[in-house]
N, C-alpha and C. Protein backbone atom coordinates (compact mmCIF):
# COMPACT_ATOMS: atom_id res chain seq x y z
N MET A 1 4.36 -40.32 -28.46
CA MET A 1 3.99 -39.17 -27.66
C MET A 1 4.16 -37.90 -28.50
N THR A 2 3.36 -36.93 -28.19
CA THR A 2 3.45 -35.68 -28.94
C THR A 2 4.63 -34.85 -28.46
N LYS A 3 5.09 -33.98 -29.34
CA LYS A 3 6.19 -33.08 -29.00
C LYS A 3 5.61 -31.69 -28.84
N ILE A 4 6.23 -30.90 -27.95
CA ILE A 4 5.82 -29.52 -27.76
C ILE A 4 7.03 -28.61 -27.90
N ARG A 5 6.77 -27.41 -28.37
CA ARG A 5 7.80 -26.37 -28.50
C ARG A 5 7.49 -25.30 -27.45
N ILE A 6 8.48 -25.01 -26.60
CA ILE A 6 8.29 -24.07 -25.50
C ILE A 6 9.18 -22.86 -25.74
N THR A 7 8.60 -21.66 -25.66
CA THR A 7 9.33 -20.41 -25.83
C THR A 7 9.14 -19.55 -24.59
N GLN A 8 10.25 -19.04 -24.05
CA GLN A 8 10.14 -18.14 -22.89
C GLN A 8 9.82 -16.75 -23.41
N VAL A 9 8.69 -16.18 -22.95
CA VAL A 9 8.26 -14.88 -23.45
C VAL A 9 8.31 -13.78 -22.38
N LYS A 10 8.46 -14.16 -21.10
CA LYS A 10 8.57 -13.18 -20.03
C LYS A 10 9.81 -13.49 -19.21
N SER A 11 10.33 -12.46 -18.57
CA SER A 11 11.56 -12.58 -17.79
C SER A 11 11.32 -13.32 -16.48
N LYS A 12 12.38 -13.98 -16.01
CA LYS A 12 12.29 -14.66 -14.72
C LYS A 12 12.77 -13.78 -13.57
N ILE A 13 13.09 -12.53 -13.86
CA ILE A 13 13.50 -11.58 -12.81
C ILE A 13 12.30 -11.31 -11.91
N ASP A 14 12.54 -11.24 -10.61
CA ASP A 14 11.51 -11.01 -9.58
C ASP A 14 10.47 -12.13 -9.51
N ARG A 15 10.87 -13.33 -9.88
CA ARG A 15 10.00 -14.50 -9.74
C ARG A 15 10.52 -15.35 -8.59
N PRO A 16 9.68 -16.18 -7.99
CA PRO A 16 10.14 -17.07 -6.92
C PRO A 16 11.23 -18.02 -7.43
N GLU A 17 12.09 -18.45 -6.52
CA GLU A 17 13.21 -19.32 -6.88
C GLU A 17 12.75 -20.62 -7.52
N THR A 18 11.60 -21.15 -7.08
CA THR A 18 11.11 -22.41 -7.66
C THR A 18 10.76 -22.24 -9.14
N GLN A 19 10.21 -21.08 -9.51
CA GLN A 19 9.89 -20.85 -10.92
C GLN A 19 11.15 -20.68 -11.75
N LYS A 20 12.16 -20.03 -11.19
CA LYS A 20 13.44 -19.88 -11.90
C LYS A 20 14.06 -21.25 -12.16
N LYS A 21 14.04 -22.11 -11.15
CA LYS A 21 14.63 -23.44 -11.30
C LYS A 21 13.82 -24.30 -12.28
N THR A 22 12.51 -24.11 -12.31
CA THR A 22 11.67 -24.85 -13.25
C THR A 22 12.00 -24.45 -14.69
N LEU A 23 12.19 -23.15 -14.93
CA LEU A 23 12.56 -22.70 -16.28
C LEU A 23 13.90 -23.29 -16.68
N GLU A 24 14.87 -23.32 -15.77
CA GLU A 24 16.17 -23.88 -16.08
C GLU A 24 16.07 -25.39 -16.32
N ALA A 25 15.21 -26.07 -15.57
CA ALA A 25 15.02 -27.51 -15.77
C ALA A 25 14.41 -27.80 -17.14
N LEU A 26 13.61 -26.87 -17.63
CA LEU A 26 13.05 -27.03 -18.98
C LEU A 26 14.08 -26.70 -20.06
N GLY A 27 15.20 -26.10 -19.68
CA GLY A 27 16.24 -25.75 -20.64
C GLY A 27 16.16 -24.31 -21.10
N LEU A 28 15.35 -23.49 -20.43
CA LEU A 28 15.18 -22.09 -20.82
C LEU A 28 16.04 -21.21 -19.93
N ARG A 29 17.00 -20.53 -20.54
CA ARG A 29 17.90 -19.68 -19.78
C ARG A 29 17.88 -18.23 -20.23
N LYS A 30 17.32 -17.96 -21.42
CA LYS A 30 17.27 -16.61 -21.95
C LYS A 30 15.87 -16.31 -22.48
N MET A 31 15.57 -15.03 -22.61
CA MET A 31 14.31 -14.62 -23.23
C MET A 31 14.28 -15.07 -24.69
N ASN A 32 13.11 -15.44 -25.16
CA ASN A 32 12.86 -15.86 -26.54
C ASN A 32 13.62 -17.11 -26.94
N GLN A 33 14.16 -17.85 -25.98
CA GLN A 33 14.80 -19.11 -26.28
C GLN A 33 13.73 -20.17 -26.51
N VAL A 34 13.98 -21.07 -27.45
CA VAL A 34 13.01 -22.10 -27.81
C VAL A 34 13.61 -23.47 -27.55
N VAL A 35 12.85 -24.35 -26.90
CA VAL A 35 13.26 -25.73 -26.68
C VAL A 35 12.11 -26.65 -27.08
N GLU A 36 12.45 -27.87 -27.43
CA GLU A 36 11.44 -28.87 -27.77
C GLU A 36 11.55 -30.03 -26.80
N HIS A 37 10.40 -30.51 -26.34
CA HIS A 37 10.34 -31.63 -25.40
C HIS A 37 9.21 -32.55 -25.82
N THR A 38 9.29 -33.79 -25.37
CA THR A 38 8.18 -34.72 -25.50
C THR A 38 7.19 -34.41 -24.38
N ALA A 39 5.92 -34.48 -24.69
CA ALA A 39 4.88 -34.07 -23.74
C ALA A 39 4.61 -35.18 -22.73
N THR A 40 5.56 -35.41 -21.83
CA THR A 40 5.38 -36.38 -20.75
C THR A 40 4.64 -35.70 -19.60
N PRO A 41 4.09 -36.47 -18.67
CA PRO A 41 3.41 -35.85 -17.53
C PRO A 41 4.33 -34.96 -16.70
N GLN A 42 5.62 -35.33 -16.59
CA GLN A 42 6.56 -34.52 -15.83
C GLN A 42 6.78 -33.16 -16.49
N ILE A 43 6.98 -33.15 -17.80
CA ILE A 43 7.19 -31.91 -18.53
C ILE A 43 5.93 -31.05 -18.48
N MET A 44 4.77 -31.66 -18.64
CA MET A 44 3.52 -30.89 -18.63
C MET A 44 3.27 -30.29 -17.24
N GLY A 45 3.69 -30.95 -16.17
CA GLY A 45 3.58 -30.38 -14.84
C GLY A 45 4.45 -29.15 -14.69
N MET A 46 5.68 -29.21 -15.24
CA MET A 46 6.57 -28.04 -15.18
C MET A 46 6.00 -26.90 -16.01
N VAL A 47 5.43 -27.22 -17.17
CA VAL A 47 4.83 -26.20 -18.03
C VAL A 47 3.68 -25.51 -17.30
N LYS A 48 2.89 -26.28 -16.59
CA LYS A 48 1.75 -25.72 -15.86
C LYS A 48 2.21 -24.75 -14.76
N LYS A 49 3.35 -25.04 -14.13
CA LYS A 49 3.87 -24.19 -13.06
C LYS A 49 4.29 -22.81 -13.56
N VAL A 50 4.80 -22.74 -14.79
CA VAL A 50 5.35 -21.47 -15.31
C VAL A 50 4.63 -21.03 -16.58
N ASN A 51 3.35 -21.42 -16.74
CA ASN A 51 2.64 -21.11 -17.98
C ASN A 51 2.46 -19.62 -18.23
N HIS A 52 2.61 -18.78 -17.19
CA HIS A 52 2.49 -17.34 -17.36
C HIS A 52 3.78 -16.72 -17.90
N LEU A 53 4.86 -17.50 -17.98
CA LEU A 53 6.15 -17.00 -18.47
C LEU A 53 6.52 -17.57 -19.83
N ILE A 54 5.77 -18.55 -20.32
CA ILE A 54 6.14 -19.25 -21.54
C ILE A 54 4.98 -19.31 -22.53
N LYS A 55 5.31 -19.70 -23.76
CA LYS A 55 4.32 -19.96 -24.80
C LYS A 55 4.56 -21.40 -25.26
N VAL A 56 3.51 -22.18 -25.37
CA VAL A 56 3.62 -23.60 -25.71
C VAL A 56 2.88 -23.86 -27.01
N GLU A 57 3.54 -24.59 -27.93
CA GLU A 57 2.92 -24.98 -29.20
C GLU A 57 3.08 -26.47 -29.39
N ASN A 58 2.06 -27.12 -29.92
CA ASN A 58 2.17 -28.53 -30.29
C ASN A 58 2.86 -28.63 -31.65
N ILE A 59 3.70 -29.64 -31.80
CA ILE A 59 4.36 -29.83 -33.11
C ILE A 59 3.77 -31.06 -33.76
């Protein structure tokens, strides 16, 4: 499976609680934090929910 690198580029302040929890589930707790995940359907669904707050790169 391919790996993806996710970077949080926008703040989670004033966002719905579900989006905040999705960012935390992805491992993103601070601005400009970077995490790497395997591109499973579950991870890609979470990425789709908060794609306006993050930047995604294929590795």
